[in-house]
N, C-alpha and C. Protein backbone atom coordinates (compact mmCIF):
# COMPACT_ATOMS: atom_id res chain seq x y z
N MET A 1 0.63 -1.34 0.08
CA MET A 1 0.16 0.21 -0.10
C MET A 1 0.97 1.19 -0.07
N LYS A 2 0.50 2.27 -0.60
CA LYS A 2 1.39 3.32 -0.70
C LYS A 2 0.97 4.52 0.54
N PRO A 3 1.96 5.24 0.69
CA PRO A 3 1.92 6.08 1.74
C PRO A 3 1.10 7.24 1.47
N GLY A 4 0.34 7.41 2.53
CA GLY A 4 -1.26 8.39 1.99
C GLY A 4 -2.04 7.84 1.97
N ARG A 5 -2.80 6.52 1.36
CA ARG A 5 -3.74 6.19 0.65
C ARG A 5 -4.34 5.82 2.16
N GLY A 6 -4.35 5.69 3.32
CA GLY A 6 -4.52 5.16 4.55
C GLY A 6 -5.34 6.84 5.03
N ALA A 7 -4.40 7.45 4.80
CA ALA A 7 -5.12 8.94 5.42
C ALA A 7 -6.71 9.22 4.52
N LEU A 8 -6.36 9.26 3.15
CA LEU A 8 -7.52 9.34 2.22
C LEU A 8 -8.48 8.47 2.75
N ALA A 9 -8.27 7.22 2.97
CA ALA A 9 -9.59 6.62 3.45
C ALA A 9 -10.26 7.03 4.65
N ILE A 10 -9.53 7.34 5.47
CA ILE A 10 -9.83 7.74 7.20
C ILE A 10 -10.72 9.24 6.60
N LEU A 11 -10.11 9.90 5.79
CA LEU A 11 -10.75 11.07 5.38
C LEU A 11 -12.17 10.68 4.85
N ALA A 12 -11.86 10.05 3.95
CA ALA A 12 -13.48 9.43 3.45
C ALA A 12 -14.55 9.16 4.47
N LEU A 13 -14.23 8.23 5.10
CA LEU A 13 -15.00 7.84 6.53
C LEU A 13 -15.72 8.53 7.37
N PHE A 14 -14.46 9.54 7.36
CA PHE A 14 -15.47 10.76 8.24
C PHE A 14 -15.88 11.76 8.02
N LEU A 15 -16.10 11.85 6.13
CA LEU A 15 -16.81 12.54 5.84
C LEU A 15 -18.37 11.95 5.13
N ALA A 16 -18.37 10.49 5.21
CA ALA A 16 -19.82 9.90 4.67
C ALA A 16 -20.38 9.86 6.22
N SER A 17 -19.32 9.57 7.44
CA SER A 17 -20.16 9.86 8.91
C SER A 17 -21.13 10.78 9.01
N SER A 18 -20.12 12.06 8.69
CA SER A 18 -21.07 13.34 8.78
C SER A 18 -22.14 13.43 7.67
N GLY A 19 -22.13 13.10 6.76
CA GLY A 19 -23.61 13.03 5.72
C GLY A 19 -24.63 12.28 6.68
N ALA A 20 -24.49 11.23 6.92
CA ALA A 20 -25.22 10.38 7.69
C ALA A 20 -25.78 10.87 8.69
N LEU A 21 -24.79 11.92 9.67
CA LEU A 21 -25.62 12.53 10.82
C LEU A 21 -26.44 13.42 10.19
N ARG A 22 -26.26 14.21 9.26
CA ARG A 22 -26.69 15.57 9.18
C ARG A 22 -28.49 14.66 8.07
N LEU A 23 -28.84 13.67 7.58
CA LEU A 23 -29.65 13.34 6.85
C LEU A 23 -30.93 12.28 7.95
N GLY A 24 -29.70 12.29 8.99
CA GLY A 24 -30.61 11.53 10.11
C GLY A 24 -31.48 12.34 11.26
N GLU A 25 -30.92 13.40 11.53
CA GLU A 25 -31.25 14.65 11.88
C GLU A 25 -32.94 14.72 11.95
N GLY A 26 -33.46 15.09 10.05
CA GLY A 26 -35.04 15.72 10.21
C GLY A 26 -35.65 14.63 9.91
N VAL A 27 -35.05 13.12 10.26
CA VAL A 27 -36.33 12.06 9.72
C VAL A 27 -36.82 12.00 11.44
N GLY A 28 -36.43 12.00 12.07
CA GLY A 28 -37.22 11.64 13.96
C GLY A 28 -37.86 13.02 13.98
N GLN A 29 -37.66 14.39 13.55
CA GLN A 29 -38.50 15.29 13.73
C GLN A 29 -39.56 15.05 12.45
N ALA A 30 -39.54 14.53 11.83
CA ALA A 30 -40.86 14.06 10.56
C ALA A 30 -41.45 13.22 10.72
N LEU A 31 -41.02 11.95 11.84
CA LEU A 31 -41.82 11.09 12.16
C LEU A 31 -42.76 11.37 13.39
N ALA A 32 -42.28 12.35 14.41
CA ALA A 32 -42.72 12.81 15.24
C ALA A 32 -44.20 13.73 14.98
N ASN A 33 -44.13 14.39 13.76
CA ASN A 33 -44.92 15.61 13.55
C ASN A 33 -46.12 14.55 12.20
N ALA A 34 -45.73 13.61 12.04
CA ALA A 34 -46.80 12.57 11.05
C ALA A 34 -48.15 12.35 11.93
N PRO A 35 -49.22 12.76 11.23
CA PRO A 35 -50.60 12.07 11.96
C PRO A 35 -50.34 11.09 12.25
N GLU A 36 -51.45 10.66 13.38
CA GLU A 36 -51.39 8.96 13.81
C GLU A 36 -52.26 8.12 12.76
N GLN A 37 -53.50 8.95 11.78
CA GLN A 37 -53.86 7.44 11.36
C GLN A 37 -53.27 6.36 10.94
N SER A 38 -52.27 6.68 10.23
CA SER A 38 -51.30 5.51 9.84
C SER A 38 -51.35 4.22 10.96
N ALA A 39 -51.46 4.42 12.19
CA ALA A 39 -50.82 3.85 12.96
C ALA A 39 -51.88 2.59 13.34
N GLY A 40 -53.47 2.54 12.94
CA GLY A 40 -54.08 1.81 13.13
C GLY A 40 -54.53 0.77 11.79
N ALA A 41 -54.37 -0.27 11.60
CA ALA A 41 -54.60 -1.16 10.29
C ALA A 41 -56.72 -0.71 9.91
N GLY A 42 -57.38 -0.95 10.84
CA GLY A 42 -58.81 -0.61 10.45
C GLY A 42 -59.19 0.78 10.04
N ASP A 43 -58.42 1.79 10.12
CA ASP A 43 -58.35 2.58 9.88
C ASP A 43 -58.70 3.25 8.18
N THR A 44 -57.86 2.81 7.19
CA THR A 44 -57.18 2.29 6.26
C THR A 44 -58.27 1.95 5.58
N ALA A 45 -59.20 1.29 6.01
CA ALA A 45 -60.31 0.31 5.26
C ALA A 45 -61.53 1.53 4.93
N GLU A 46 -61.87 2.32 6.00
CA GLU A 46 -62.63 3.15 6.06
C GLU A 46 -62.30 4.61 5.14
N LEU A 47 -61.21 4.95 4.64
CA LEU A 47 -60.59 5.77 3.78
C LEU A 47 -60.73 5.10 2.67
N CYS A 48 -61.00 4.02 1.90
CA CYS A 48 -61.21 3.45 0.65
C CYS A 48 -62.74 3.55 0.06
N PRO A 49 -63.02 4.53 -1.11
CA PRO A 49 -64.54 4.27 -1.02
C PRO A 49 -65.45 3.22 -1.44
N ALA A 50 -66.58 3.00 -1.56
CA ALA A 50 -67.20 2.03 -1.87
C ALA A 50 -67.25 2.05 -3.50
N PRO A 51 -67.03 1.06 -4.26
CA PRO A 51 -67.24 1.23 -5.81
C PRO A 51 -68.63 2.02 -6.17
N PRO A 52 -68.74 2.52 -7.50
CA PRO A 52 -69.94 3.11 -8.00
C PRO A 52 -70.69 2.02 -8.24
N ALA A 53 -72.07 2.18 -8.34
CA ALA A 53 -73.24 1.10 -8.26
C ALA A 53 -73.23 0.63 -9.65
N ALA A 54 -72.92 1.73 -10.41
CA ALA A 54 -72.73 1.31 -12.05
C ALA A 54 -71.84 0.53 -12.25
N LEU A 55 -70.72 0.83 -11.58
CA LEU A 55 -69.23 -0.26 -11.83
C LEU A 55 -69.63 -1.83 -11.34
N ALA A 56 -70.42 -1.70 -10.26
CA ALA A 56 -70.30 -3.00 -9.85
C ALA A 56 -71.92 -3.48 -10.53
N ARG A 57 -72.53 -3.09 -11.24
CA ARG A 57 -73.61 -3.84 -11.86
C ARG A 57 -72.83 -4.34 -12.91
N ALA A 58 -71.93 -3.24 -13.68
CA ALA A 58 -71.54 -3.78 -15.08
C ALA A 58 -70.83 -4.98 -14.99
N LEU A 59 -69.64 -4.84 -13.36
CA LEU A 59 -68.68 -6.29 -13.69
C LEU A 59 -70.15 -7.48 -13.26
N GLY A 60 -70.90 -7.24 -12.63
CA GLY A 60 -71.78 -8.27 -12.15
C GLY A 60 -72.11 -9.03 -13.48
N ASP A 61 -72.60 -8.15 -14.59
CA ASP A 61 -73.26 -8.27 -15.44
C ASP A 61 -72.06 -8.94 -16.75
N ARG A 62 -70.86 -8.62 -16.64
CA ARG A 62 -69.88 -9.33 -17.20
C ARG A 62 -69.62 -11.02 -17.08
N GLU A 63 -69.72 -10.82 -15.43
CA GLU A 63 -69.51 -12.05 -15.01
C GLU A 63 -70.33 -12.96 -15.44
N ALA A 64 -71.50 -12.75 -15.36
CA ALA A 64 -72.77 -13.45 -15.95
C ALA A 64 -72.81 -13.91 -17.43
N ARG A 65 -72.38 -12.64 -17.89
CA ARG A 65 -72.20 -13.32 -19.56
C ARG A 65 -71.00 -14.33 -19.82
N ALA A 66 -70.31 -13.83 -18.89
CA ALA A 66 -68.48 -14.81 -19.39
C ALA A 66 -69.23 -16.42 -18.19
N ALA A 67 -70.18 -16.43 -17.26
CA ALA A 67 -70.63 -17.59 -17.01
C ALA A 67 -71.50 -17.96 -18.11
N ALA A 68 -72.39 -17.26 -18.52
CA ALA A 68 -73.51 -17.94 -20.14
C ALA A 68 -72.34 -18.65 -21.41
N HIS A 69 -71.19 -17.49 -21.62
CA HIS A 69 -70.47 -17.97 -22.24
C HIS A 69 -69.65 -19.35 -22.03
N GLU A 70 -69.39 -19.53 -21.19
CA GLU A 70 -68.65 -20.82 -20.55
C GLU A 70 -69.31 -22.07 -20.94
N ALA A 71 -70.99 -21.62 -20.33
CA ALA A 71 -72.04 -23.10 -20.26
C ALA A 71 -72.22 -23.30 -21.56
N ALA A 72 -72.23 -21.97 -22.71
CA ALA A 72 -72.71 -22.39 -23.95
C ALA A 72 -71.56 -23.32 -24.68
N ILE A 73 -70.32 -22.63 -24.31
CA ILE A 73 -69.21 -23.93 -24.75
C ILE A 73 -68.97 -25.12 -24.29
N ASP A 74 -69.12 -25.57 -23.04
CA ASP A 74 -69.35 -26.76 -22.46
C ASP A 74 -70.76 -27.61 -23.24
N ASP A 75 -71.60 -26.56 -23.67
CA ASP A 75 -73.04 -27.37 -24.18
C ASP A 75 -72.40 -28.01 -25.70
N ARG A 76 -71.44 -27.14 -26.24
CA ARG A 76 -70.89 -27.48 -27.82
C ARG A 76 -70.15 -28.32 -27.69
N MET A 77 -69.27 -28.37 -26.56
CA MET A 77 -67.99 -29.47 -26.31
C MET A 77 -68.70 -30.63 -26.31
N ALA A 78 -69.83 -30.77 -25.81
CA ALA A 78 -70.62 -32.03 -25.20
C ALA A 78 -71.05 -32.46 -26.80
N ALA A 79 -71.99 -31.59 -27.48
CA ALA A 79 -72.35 -31.76 -28.76
C ALA A 79 -71.48 -32.04 -29.37
N LEU A 80 -70.28 -31.45 -29.66
CA LEU A 80 -69.55 -32.13 -30.42
C LEU A 80 -68.86 -33.53 -30.04
N SER A 81 -68.58 -33.86 -28.48
CA SER A 81 -68.00 -35.05 -28.57
C SER A 81 -69.30 -36.19 -28.97
N LEU A 82 -70.35 -35.77 -28.79
CA LEU A 82 -71.36 -36.78 -29.51
C LEU A 82 -71.71 -37.57 -30.68
N ALA A 83 -71.33 -35.88 -31.55
CA ALA A 83 -71.32 -36.04 -32.76
C ALA A 83 -70.14 -36.94 -33.27
N GLU A 84 -69.01 -36.38 -32.79
CA GLU A 84 -68.03 -37.67 -32.59
C GLU A 84 -68.04 -39.25 -32.67
N ALA A 85 -68.39 -38.91 -31.97
CA ALA A 85 -68.84 -40.37 -31.24
C ALA A 85 -69.73 -41.03 -32.60
N ALA A 86 -70.37 -40.42 -32.59
CA ALA A 86 -71.68 -40.79 -33.85
C ALA A 86 -71.00 -41.02 -35.18
N LEU A 87 -70.07 -40.27 -35.39
CA LEU A 87 -69.51 -40.23 -36.82
C LEU A 87 -68.39 -41.35 -37.22
N SER A 88 -67.74 -41.75 -35.61
CA SER A 88 -66.89 -42.73 -35.18
C SER A 88 -68.17 -43.97 -35.64
N LYS A 89 -68.80 -44.46 -35.58
CA LYS A 89 -69.52 -45.30 -35.44
C LYS A 89 -69.85 -45.46 -36.54
N ARG A 90 -70.29 -44.26 -37.49
CA ARG A 90 -70.65 -44.59 -38.93
C ARG A 90 -69.31 -44.70 -39.99
N LEU A 91 -68.44 -44.29 -39.55
CA LEU A 91 -66.92 -44.46 -40.53
C LEU A 91 -67.13 -46.25 -40.15
N ALA A 92 -66.92 -46.55 -38.78
CA ALA A 92 -66.70 -48.26 -38.68
C ALA A 92 -67.33 -49.04 -39.33
N GLU A 93 -69.07 -48.38 -39.68
CA GLU A 93 -70.02 -49.38 -40.57
C GLU A 93 -69.66 -48.88 -41.93
N VAL A 94 -69.46 -47.84 -42.65
CA VAL A 94 -69.03 -47.70 -43.66
C VAL A 94 -67.52 -48.82 -44.27
N GLU A 95 -66.51 -48.84 -42.96
CA GLU A 95 -65.47 -49.98 -43.34
C GLU A 95 -65.96 -51.02 -43.43
N ALA A 96 -67.11 -51.15 -42.38
CA ALA A 96 -67.06 -52.73 -42.42
C ALA A 96 -68.21 -53.05 -43.95
N ALA A 97 -68.78 -51.96 -44.45
CA ALA A 97 -69.71 -52.50 -45.83
C ALA A 97 -68.54 -52.37 -46.55
N GLU A 98 -67.29 -51.49 -46.67
CA GLU A 98 -66.40 -51.89 -48.03
C GLU A 98 -65.78 -53.28 -47.80
N VAL A 99 -65.28 -53.76 -46.82
CA VAL A 99 -64.96 -55.25 -46.69
C VAL A 99 -65.86 -55.97 -47.01
N GLU A 100 -67.27 -55.88 -47.23
CA GLU A 100 -67.97 -56.74 -47.32
C GLU A 100 -68.26 -56.99 -48.71
N LEU A 101 -68.40 -55.45 -49.58
CA LEU A 101 -68.49 -54.87 -50.44
C LEU A 101 -67.29 -55.77 -51.71
N LYS A 102 -66.00 -55.72 -50.90
CA LYS A 102 -65.13 -56.28 -51.69
C LYS A 102 -64.91 -57.42 -51.77
N ARG A 103 -65.50 -58.10 -50.58
CA ARG A 103 -65.41 -59.94 -50.54
C ARG A 103 -66.62 -60.20 -51.76
N VAL A 104 -67.57 -59.63 -51.90
CA VAL A 104 -68.30 -59.88 -52.73
C VAL A 104 -67.95 -59.88 -54.36
N LEU A 105 -67.36 -58.46 -54.51
CA LEU A 105 -67.02 -57.96 -56.04
C LEU A 105 -66.07 -59.33 -55.87
N ALA A 106 -64.59 -60.07 -55.15
CA ALA A 106 -64.09 -60.54 -55.64
C ALA A 106 -64.67 -62.00 -55.76
N LEU A 107 -65.96 -62.23 -55.08
CA LEU A 107 -66.62 -63.71 -55.61
C LEU A 107 -67.40 -63.28 -56.96
N ALA A 108 -67.92 -62.47 -57.32
CA ALA A 108 -68.35 -61.73 -58.59
C ALA A 108 -67.49 -62.09 -59.92
N ASP A 109 -66.46 -61.35 -59.18
CA ASP A 109 -65.08 -61.75 -60.40
C ASP A 109 -64.96 -63.05 -60.77
N GLY A 110 -64.62 -63.52 -59.36
CA GLY A 110 -64.51 -65.21 -59.83
C GLY A 110 -65.22 -66.23 -60.27
N ALA A 111 -66.38 -65.78 -60.36
CA ALA A 111 -67.76 -66.39 -61.03
C ALA A 111 -67.51 -66.05 -62.44
N ALA A 112 -67.30 -64.87 -62.69
CA ALA A 112 -67.43 -63.95 -64.35
C ALA A 112 -65.92 -64.64 -65.04
N GLU A 113 -65.05 -64.54 -63.66
CA GLU A 113 -63.90 -65.25 -64.90
C GLU A 113 -63.97 -66.90 -64.82
N GLN A 114 -64.55 -67.51 -63.93
CA GLN A 114 -64.68 -68.93 -64.43
C GLN A 114 -65.75 -69.34 -65.67
N ASP A 115 -66.81 -68.46 -65.67
CA ASP A 115 -67.56 -68.59 -66.79
C ASP A 115 -67.23 -68.41 -68.17
N LEU A 116 -66.00 -67.04 -68.02
CA LEU A 116 -65.34 -66.94 -69.35
C LEU A 116 -64.44 -67.73 -69.63
N THR A 117 -63.78 -68.53 -68.63
CA THR A 117 -62.51 -69.46 -69.10
C THR A 117 -63.81 -71.02 -69.62
N ARG A 118 -64.57 -71.46 -68.91
CA ARG A 118 -65.30 -72.17 -69.43
C ARG A 118 -66.16 -72.15 -70.55
N LEU A 119 -66.38 -70.51 -71.46
CA LEU A 119 -66.90 -70.35 -72.60
C LEU A 119 -65.70 -70.45 -73.38
N THR A 120 -64.95 -69.75 -73.32
CA THR A 120 -63.48 -69.88 -74.13
C THR A 120 -63.22 -72.04 -74.26
N ALA A 121 -63.04 -72.36 -73.21
CA ALA A 121 -63.01 -73.85 -73.41
C ALA A 121 -63.70 -74.42 -74.38
N VAL A 122 -64.87 -73.81 -74.23
CA VAL A 122 -66.31 -74.84 -74.84
C VAL A 122 -66.00 -73.78 -76.61
N TYR A 123 -65.64 -72.81 -76.98
CA TYR A 123 -65.64 -72.28 -78.23
C TYR A 123 -64.19 -72.75 -78.82
N GLU A 124 -62.95 -73.18 -78.39
CA GLU A 124 -62.11 -74.09 -78.45
C GLU A 124 -62.40 -75.40 -78.68
N ALA A 125 -63.13 -75.99 -78.13
CA ALA A 125 -63.66 -77.40 -78.39
C ALA A 125 -64.35 -77.91 -79.95
N MET A 126 -65.29 -76.24 -80.32
CA MET A 126 -66.07 -76.89 -80.98
C MET A 126 -65.41 -76.84 -82.50
N LYS A 127 -65.95 -77.04 -83.68
CA LYS A 127 -65.02 -77.49 -84.66
C LYS A 127 -65.21 -75.95 -85.43
N PRO A 128 -63.72 -75.71 -86.31
CA PRO A 128 -63.37 -74.18 -86.50
C PRO A 128 -64.13 -73.58 -87.10
N ALA A 129 -64.86 -74.26 -88.23
CA ALA A 129 -65.54 -73.76 -88.91
C ALA A 129 -67.22 -73.23 -88.23
N ASP A 130 -67.55 -74.00 -87.40
CA ASP A 130 -68.86 -73.68 -86.80
C ASP A 130 -68.20 -72.40 -85.77
N ALA A 131 -67.13 -72.13 -84.76
CA ALA A 131 -66.97 -71.59 -84.35
C ALA A 131 -66.83 -70.09 -85.14
N ALA A 132 -65.88 -69.99 -86.38
CA ALA A 132 -65.50 -69.05 -87.50
C ALA A 132 -66.83 -68.40 -87.84
N LYS A 133 -68.44 -69.20 -88.06
CA LYS A 133 -69.53 -68.65 -88.31
C LYS A 133 -69.99 -68.03 -87.17
N LEU A 134 -69.90 -68.55 -86.06
CA LEU A 134 -70.06 -67.68 -84.65
C LEU A 134 -69.71 -66.30 -84.35
N PHE A 135 -68.01 -66.29 -84.56
CA PHE A 135 -67.09 -65.59 -84.19
C PHE A 135 -67.94 -64.46 -85.40
N GLN A 136 -68.02 -64.50 -86.59
CA GLN A 136 -68.41 -63.50 -87.30
C GLN A 136 -69.59 -62.61 -87.13
N THR A 137 -70.71 -63.43 -86.07
CA THR A 137 -71.56 -62.78 -85.86
C THR A 137 -71.41 -61.91 -84.56
N MET A 138 -70.40 -61.88 -83.91
CA MET A 138 -69.90 -61.33 -82.60
C MET A 138 -69.41 -59.88 -83.20
N ALA A 139 -69.61 -58.96 -81.80
CA ALA A 139 -68.66 -57.67 -82.25
C ALA A 139 -67.36 -57.94 -82.34
N PRO A 140 -67.02 -57.23 -83.11
CA PRO A 140 -65.28 -57.44 -83.51
C PRO A 140 -64.50 -57.21 -81.50
N ASP A 141 -64.73 -56.36 -81.02
CA ASP A 141 -63.91 -56.13 -79.59
C ASP A 141 -64.34 -57.58 -78.65
N PHE A 142 -65.59 -57.89 -78.93
CA PHE A 142 -66.03 -59.11 -77.87
C PHE A 142 -65.45 -60.38 -78.62
N ALA A 143 -65.10 -60.66 -79.97
CA ALA A 143 -64.57 -61.55 -80.14
C ALA A 143 -63.19 -61.93 -79.84
N ALA A 144 -62.81 -60.49 -80.00
CA ALA A 144 -61.21 -60.52 -79.89
C ALA A 144 -61.11 -60.91 -78.66
N GLY A 145 -61.31 -60.51 -77.88
CA GLY A 145 -61.62 -61.03 -76.01
C GLY A 145 -61.35 -62.82 -76.20
N PHE A 146 -62.49 -63.41 -76.84
CA PHE A 146 -62.40 -64.51 -76.43
C PHE A 146 -61.10 -65.10 -77.90
N LEU A 147 -60.77 -64.73 -78.27
CA LEU A 147 -59.59 -65.09 -79.33
C LEU A 147 -58.44 -65.00 -78.59
N GLY A 148 -58.09 -64.03 -77.99
CA GLY A 148 -56.93 -63.56 -77.02
C GLY A 148 -56.89 -64.31 -76.27
N ARG A 149 -58.11 -64.91 -75.44
CA ARG A 149 -57.96 -66.10 -74.41
C ARG A 149 -57.95 -67.42 -74.80
N MET A 150 -57.95 -67.84 -76.09
CA MET A 150 -57.61 -69.04 -76.61
C MET A 150 -56.27 -69.28 -76.88
N GLN A 151 -56.55 -70.65 -77.19
CA GLN A 151 -54.80 -71.72 -77.28
C GLN A 151 -54.24 -70.90 -78.81
N PRO A 152 -53.13 -70.64 -79.07
CA PRO A 152 -52.64 -70.01 -80.44
C PRO A 152 -53.67 -70.99 -81.26
N GLN A 153 -53.37 -72.15 -81.56
CA GLN A 153 -53.91 -73.04 -82.65
C GLN A 153 -55.33 -73.07 -82.81
N SER A 154 -56.23 -73.02 -81.58
CA SER A 154 -57.38 -72.82 -81.56
C SER A 154 -57.77 -71.79 -82.19
N ALA A 155 -57.17 -70.25 -81.93
CA ALA A 155 -57.69 -69.11 -82.31
C ALA A 155 -57.42 -68.79 -83.73
N ALA A 156 -56.31 -69.67 -84.19
CA ALA A 156 -55.64 -69.50 -85.86
C ALA A 156 -56.71 -70.33 -86.88
N ALA A 157 -57.13 -71.41 -86.38
CA ALA A 157 -57.89 -72.39 -87.22
C ALA A 157 -59.23 -71.40 -86.90
N ILE A 158 -59.71 -70.98 -86.03
CA ILE A 158 -61.04 -69.79 -86.33
C ILE A 158 -60.71 -68.72 -87.11
N LEU A 159 -59.68 -68.14 -86.77
CA LEU A 159 -59.61 -66.79 -87.39
C LEU A 159 -59.25 -67.23 -89.14
N SER A 160 -58.72 -68.31 -89.10
CA SER A 160 -58.64 -68.78 -90.99
C SER A 160 -60.07 -69.14 -91.61
N GLY A 161 -61.15 -69.61 -90.72
CA GLY A 161 -62.24 -69.56 -91.67
C GLY A 161 -63.33 -68.73 -91.76
N MET A 162 -62.35 -67.40 -90.66
CA MET A 162 -63.25 -66.27 -90.91
C MET A 162 -63.01 -65.62 -92.48
N PRO A 163 -64.08 -64.61 -92.50
CA PRO A 163 -63.71 -63.71 -93.74
C PRO A 163 -62.47 -62.47 -93.65
N PRO A 164 -61.52 -62.53 -94.56
CA PRO A 164 -60.44 -61.56 -94.50
C PRO A 164 -60.75 -60.21 -93.38
N ASP A 165 -61.68 -59.39 -94.11
CA ASP A 165 -61.56 -58.22 -93.65
C ASP A 165 -62.63 -58.47 -91.90
N ALA A 166 -63.42 -59.36 -91.42
CA ALA A 166 -63.52 -59.89 -90.03
C ALA A 166 -62.32 -60.44 -89.44
N ALA A 167 -61.50 -61.01 -89.93
CA ALA A 167 -60.30 -61.84 -89.11
C ALA A 167 -58.94 -60.61 -88.63
N TYR A 168 -59.06 -59.34 -89.76
CA TYR A 168 -58.24 -58.39 -89.89
C TYR A 168 -58.33 -57.64 -88.71
N SER A 169 -59.77 -57.13 -88.35
CA SER A 169 -60.47 -56.20 -87.55
C SER A 169 -60.22 -56.76 -86.28
N ILE A 170 -60.15 -58.24 -85.88
CA ILE A 170 -60.55 -58.79 -84.79
C ILE A 170 -59.10 -58.81 -84.77
N SER A 171 -57.84 -59.00 -85.41
CA SER A 171 -56.39 -59.50 -85.26
C SER A 171 -55.78 -58.02 -84.63
N VAL A 172 -56.15 -56.97 -85.39
CA VAL A 172 -56.04 -55.28 -85.13
C VAL A 172 -56.18 -54.97 -83.30
N LEU A 173 -57.60 -55.86 -82.78
CA LEU A 173 -58.07 -55.42 -81.89
C LEU A 173 -57.27 -55.99 -80.89
N ILE A 174 -57.01 -57.19 -81.23
CA ILE A 174 -55.85 -58.20 -80.59
C ILE A 174 -54.85 -57.59 -80.21
N ALA A 175 -54.17 -57.20 -81.35
CA ALA A 175 -52.76 -56.52 -81.37
C ALA A 175 -52.13 -55.08 -80.47
N GLY A 176 -53.82 -54.13 -80.47
CA GLY A 176 -53.51 -53.10 -79.90
C GLY A 176 -54.13 -53.29 -78.40
N ARG A 177 -54.60 -54.40 -78.27
CA ARG A 177 -54.87 -54.49 -76.54
C ARG A 177 -54.16 -53.78 -75.30
N ASN A 178 -52.95 -54.07 -75.75
CA ASN A 178 -51.84 -53.54 -74.54
C ASN A 178 -51.19 -52.21 -75.10
N ALA A 179 -51.69 -51.71 -76.35
CA ALA A 179 -50.68 -50.23 -76.83
C ALA A 179 -50.87 -49.48 -75.77
N LEU A 180 -52.02 -48.62 -75.01
CA LEU A 180 -51.77 -47.88 -74.31
C LEU A 180 -51.34 -48.33 -72.79
N VAL A 181 -50.61 -49.35 -72.62
CA VAL A 181 -50.43 -49.63 -71.21
C VAL A 181 -48.96 -48.89 -70.98
N PRO A 182 -49.13 -48.53 -69.90
CA PRO A 182 -47.53 -47.67 -69.26
C PRO A 182 -46.52 -48.49 -69.63
N ARG A 183 -45.28 -47.95 -70.01
CA ARG A 183 -44.22 -48.88 -69.87
C ARG A 183 -43.24 -49.07 -69.26
N ASN A 184 -43.46 -47.83 -68.10
CA ASN A 184 -42.25 -47.71 -66.85
C ASN A 184 -43.21 -48.37 -65.57
């Protein structure tokens, strides 16, 4: 520590003490002159004025509206809960009906496929000349469907017994059936 710093610290301490004593002189006198109202806790309640009647009514009305609004929200929530339960039940019914419909459609598709397979076998078993006469009367796209399902030898025998223009139109339909199928 440098010489002379101790004296500065002591001098600063004396100055601060003197200032504190001067500030404290007036505090005692101010407290003595203060009115006695602040001494009792019950006195402060008498000093607070009652709220105006209009303000009290407005606050009461606002509280009543808030309570009514809250009751309406509770009613809506209950109604939404009931609607959600009904919707869930309906959704389950629709899903069950969809599963049943898929099952029925699969049965119908299977039955139709069996019918087509059996009819194709019947046409293949016919004499080619008789089958050619029958296929000439069919719509070309219908005939192409059956000829496309047949064994190549049977289909060739039937096509050879048909007039060239009918055989050509059926051949074009068979060749173009998968032309529009995506390649990727």
